[in-house]
Protein backbone atom coordinates (compact mmCIF):
# COMPACT_ATOMS: atom_id res chain seq x y z
CA UNK A 1 6.63 -21.12 5.58
CA UNK A 2 7.07 -17.85 7.05
CA UNK A 3 9.70 -16.67 4.16
CA UNK A 4 7.11 -17.19 1.43
CA UNK A 5 5.01 -15.21 2.35
CA UNK A 6 7.40 -12.95 3.12
CA UNK A 7 8.85 -13.33 -0.50
CA UNK A 8 4.62 -13.61 -2.11
CA UNK A 9 4.16 -10.21 -0.52
CA UNK A 10 7.25 -8.30 -1.82
CA UNK A 11 6.47 -9.90 -5.41
CA UNK A 12 2.69 -8.37 -4.69
CA UNK A 13 4.31 -4.85 -3.67
CA UNK A 14 5.97 -5.25 -7.15
CA UNK A 15 3.04 -6.18 -9.32
CA UNK A 16 0.83 -4.02 -7.32
CA UNK A 17 3.31 -0.33 -7.60
CA UNK A 18 3.79 -1.14 -11.33
CA UNK A 19 0.16 -1.14 -12.42
CA UNK A 20 -1.20 1.92 -9.92
CA UNK A 21 1.55 3.53 -11.69
CA UNK A 22 1.17 2.56 -15.43
CA UNK A 23 -2.54 2.18 -15.02
CA UNK A 24 -4.61 3.36 -12.43
CA UNK A 25 -2.81 6.96 -12.02
CA UNK A 26 -3.15 7.06 -16.11
CA UNK A 27 -7.14 6.24 -15.56
CA UNK A 28 -7.03 8.45 -12.42
CA UNK A 29 -5.34 12.06 -13.05
CA UNK A 30 -6.54 13.64 -9.43
CA UNK A 31 -3.81 10.69 -7.37
CA UNK A 32 -0.67 12.52 -6.88
CA UNK A 33 2.55 10.10 -6.21
CA UNK A 34 1.09 7.33 -4.26
CA UNK A 35 3.82 4.56 -2.80
CA UNK A 36 3.84 1.07 -1.38
CA UNK A 37 5.13 1.21 1.72
CA UNK A 38 3.86 -2.76 2.78
CA UNK A 39 2.78 -6.00 2.12
CA UNK A 40 0.52 -9.05 4.21
CA UNK A 41 -0.92 -11.73 3.27
CA UNK A 42 -2.53 -14.25 5.66
CA UNK A 43 -0.49 -16.87 6.82
CA UNK A 44 -2.64 -19.13 3.66
CA UNK A 45 -2.63 -16.22 1.34
CA UNK A 46 -6.16 -15.53 1.16
CA UNK A 47 -6.14 -11.92 1.13
CA UNK A 48 -3.44 -8.97 0.92
CA UNK A 49 -3.60 -5.70 2.90
CA UNK A 50 -1.35 -3.43 0.56
CA UNK A 51 -0.20 -0.71 2.06
CA UNK A 52 0.26 3.28 0.77
CA UNK A 53 0.78 6.79 1.64
CA UNK A 54 0.75 9.87 -1.00
CA UNK A 55 1.04 13.22 -1.30
CA UNK A 56 -2.62 13.87 -1.78
CA UNK A 57 -4.38 15.40 1.00
CA UNK A 58 -7.41 13.64 1.31
CA UNK A 59 -6.36 10.29 2.41
CA UNK A 60 -9.18 9.20 3.02
CA UNK A 61 -10.47 9.47 -1.26
CA UNK A 62 -6.87 8.39 -2.36
CA UNK A 63 -8.09 4.80 -0.57
CA UNK A 64 -11.51 4.41 -2.39
CA UNK A 65 -10.22 5.10 -5.49
CA UNK A 66 -7.39 2.73 -4.94
CA UNK A 67 -10.22 -0.14 -3.77
CA UNK A 68 -12.20 1.13 -7.02
CA UNK A 69 -9.25 -0.60 -9.21
CA UNK A 70 -9.02 -3.89 -6.62
CA UNK A 71 -10.19 -6.44 -9.38
CA UNK A 72 -7.49 -5.09 -11.35
CA UNK A 73 -4.73 -5.23 -9.06
CA UNK A 74 -6.29 -9.33 -8.17
CA UNK A 75 -6.24 -9.58 -12.04
CA UNK A 76 -2.33 -8.67 -12.24
CA UNK A 77 -0.91 -10.50 -9.48
CA UNK A 78 -2.88 -13.41 -11.00
CA UNK A 79 -1.31 -13.30 -14.02
CA UNK A 80 2.64 -12.17 -13.08
CA UNK A 81 2.79 -14.74 -9.80
CA UNK A 82 2.47 -18.44 -9.74
CA UNK A 83 -0.54 -19.02 -6.80
CA UNK A 84 -2.68 -21.45 -6.78
CA UNK A 85 -5.67 -18.09 -5.92
CA UNK A 86 -4.61 -15.05 -6.23
CA UNK A 87 -5.10 -13.32 -2.98
CA UNK A 88 -8.15 -10.52 -2.46
CA UNK A 89 -7.08 -7.27 -1.92
CA UNK A 90 -7.31 -4.63 0.36
CA UNK A 91 -5.74 -1.28 -0.17
CA UNK A 92 -5.26 0.72 3.20
CA UNK A 93 -4.05 4.01 3.64
CA UNK A 94 -0.42 3.35 6.23
CA UNK A 95 -0.75 5.26 9.03
CA UNK A 96 2.60 4.70 10.28
CA UNK A 97 4.03 7.39 8.40
CA UNK A 98 1.50 10.26 10.05
CA UNK A 99 2.77 8.61 13.46
CA UNK A 100 6.34 8.41 12.54
CA UNK A 101 5.77 12.63 11.85
CA UNK A 102 3.85 13.64 15.05
CA UNK A 103 6.76 11.67 17.83
CA UNK A 104 9.32 13.51 16.01
CA UNK A 105 6.76 17.10 16.58
CA UNK A 106 6.20 15.86 20.33
CA UNK A 107 10.28 15.59 20.66
CA UNK A 108 11.06 19.00 18.83
CA UNK A 109 9.01 20.56 20.43
CA UNK A 110 10.08 18.57 23.89
CA UNK A 111 13.55 19.47 22.94
CA UNK A 112 12.73 23.42 21.88
CA UNK A 113 10.76 23.73 25.33
CA UNK A 114 14.21 22.12 27.51
CA UNK A 115 16.83 25.45 25.71
């Protein structure tokens, strides 16, 4: 079952990325580069968490804009992926990139203090 969910998550990632790049970015010129980093689907495929990163300064604003297009994203998933029912889409900022950068900064700071 997990393999199926992984395949569905990858397909959702492709569809959502295409819709954001081709439709949402056209409607929202304030958005800069938005990258879908990961999609997690529930075990029953009832919902999908779509994680993204962006070059925009205000991550919360980008998250709000993308969540405004949840219906568009869900309908694109329904049209492009054969599922009994399209999952609810929830868009969230991927904090792992910021966390990784913070860890790297701390390691560099420790390294520089040792010199």
